[in-house]
Amino acid sequence: MTLAPTLITLDALKVGSSGTVVHVAPGDAGDGADLARRLMELGFVPGEKIRMLKRGMPGGEPLAIKVGNSTFALRRFEAALISLQPE
């Protein structure tokens, strides 16, 4: 019997942790497909390794995320669209 991998969303990843992108979901708003496309254009594509660098203060926003050789700041609702397999 094989166990299914545990997936989390990027907004739940702890600072200093890494993971591999599995899926980018469209958001609930009318422009959700545009947001998902923008995230994928930035490099959040299935199979890509990412690392949570830092959370802003106060409130934990924005999130500093390293993708490849680039670093991006995402809002929590944007990070919640990205499903990943934590390492």
Protein backbone atom coordinates (compact mmCIF):
# COMPACT_ATOMS: atom_id res chain seq x y z
CA MET A 1 0.00 0.00 0.00
CA THR A 2 1.38 3.40 -0.95
CA LEU A 3 0.48 6.57 0.85
CA ALA A 4 -0.49 9.67 -1.10
CA PRO A 5 1.96 12.53 -0.60
CA THR A 6 0.86 15.23 1.81
CA LEU A 7 0.29 18.49 -0.01
CA ILE A 8 0.19 21.92 1.61
CA THR A 9 -0.28 25.39 0.22
CA LEU A 10 2.64 27.77 0.01
CA ASP A 11 1.16 30.11 2.63
CA ALA A 12 1.43 27.27 5.20
CA LEU A 13 5.13 26.56 4.53
CA LYS A 14 7.41 27.43 7.45
CA VAL A 15 10.25 29.92 7.14
CA GLY A 16 13.42 28.15 6.02
CA SER A 17 11.50 25.17 4.57
CA SER A 18 11.48 24.04 0.95
CA GLY A 19 9.07 22.24 -1.30
CA THR A 20 8.21 21.36 -4.87
CA VAL A 21 5.31 23.01 -6.70
CA VAL A 22 2.59 20.52 -7.62
CA HIS A 23 -0.27 22.74 -8.81
CA VAL A 24 -1.32 26.39 -9.21
CA ALA A 25 -5.07 26.86 -8.78
CA PRO A 26 -7.12 29.74 -10.18
CA GLY A 27 -8.40 32.11 -7.50
CA ASP A 28 -12.02 32.66 -6.54
CA ALA A 29 -12.23 36.18 -7.93
CA GLY A 30 -13.12 36.93 -11.55
CA ASP A 31 -9.44 37.45 -12.43
CA GLY A 32 -8.35 34.12 -10.88
CA ALA A 33 -7.14 32.63 -14.16
CA ASP A 34 -5.04 35.75 -14.79
CA LEU A 35 -3.48 35.49 -11.33
CA ALA A 36 -2.67 31.79 -11.79
CA ARG A 37 -1.11 32.56 -15.17
CA ARG A 38 0.96 35.40 -13.67
CA LEU A 39 2.25 33.12 -10.91
CA MET A 40 3.22 30.49 -13.48
CA GLU A 41 4.98 33.13 -15.59
CA LEU A 42 7.01 34.09 -12.51
CA GLY A 43 8.23 30.50 -12.22
CA PHE A 44 5.71 28.82 -9.91
CA VAL A 45 5.28 25.83 -12.23
CA PRO A 46 4.82 22.15 -11.35
CA GLY A 47 8.14 20.51 -10.52
CA GLU A 48 9.90 23.76 -9.54
CA LYS A 49 11.68 23.84 -6.16
CA ILE A 50 10.85 26.76 -3.89
CA ARG A 51 12.00 27.98 -0.46
CA MET A 52 10.23 30.19 2.08
CA LEU A 53 12.76 32.86 3.04
CA LYS A 54 10.86 35.20 5.33
CA ARG A 55 7.48 36.50 6.44
CA GLY A 56 6.89 40.22 6.84
CA MET A 57 5.85 41.84 10.10
CA PRO A 58 3.24 42.50 11.35
CA GLY A 59 0.71 39.95 10.18
CA GLY A 60 3.10 37.76 8.22
CA GLU A 61 2.77 39.57 4.89
CA PRO A 62 4.35 39.73 2.40
CA LEU A 63 6.02 36.36 2.05
CA ALA A 64 9.54 36.28 0.57
CA ILE A 65 9.82 33.20 -1.67
CA LYS A 66 12.87 31.96 -3.58
CA VAL A 67 12.15 30.30 -6.93
CA GLY A 68 15.23 29.22 -8.85
CA ASN A 69 17.62 32.19 -8.70
CA SER A 70 14.85 34.76 -8.16
CA THR A 71 13.15 36.04 -5.03
CA PHE A 72 9.53 37.20 -5.05
CA ALA A 73 7.21 38.82 -2.52
CA LEU A 74 3.73 37.30 -2.49
CA ARG A 75 0.61 38.13 -0.53
CA ARG A 76 -0.88 35.30 1.50
CA PHE A 77 -3.91 34.88 -0.76
CA GLU A 78 -1.57 34.49 -3.76
CA ALA A 79 0.57 31.91 -1.93
CA ALA A 80 -2.59 29.99 -0.97
CA LEU A 81 -3.16 29.21 -4.68
CA ILE A 82 0.11 27.25 -4.92
CA SER A 83 0.02 23.61 -3.78
CA LEU A 84 3.32 21.96 -3.01
CA GLN A 85 4.97 18.84 -1.69
CA PRO A 86 7.08 19.88 1.33
CA GLU A 87 10.58 18.44 1.69
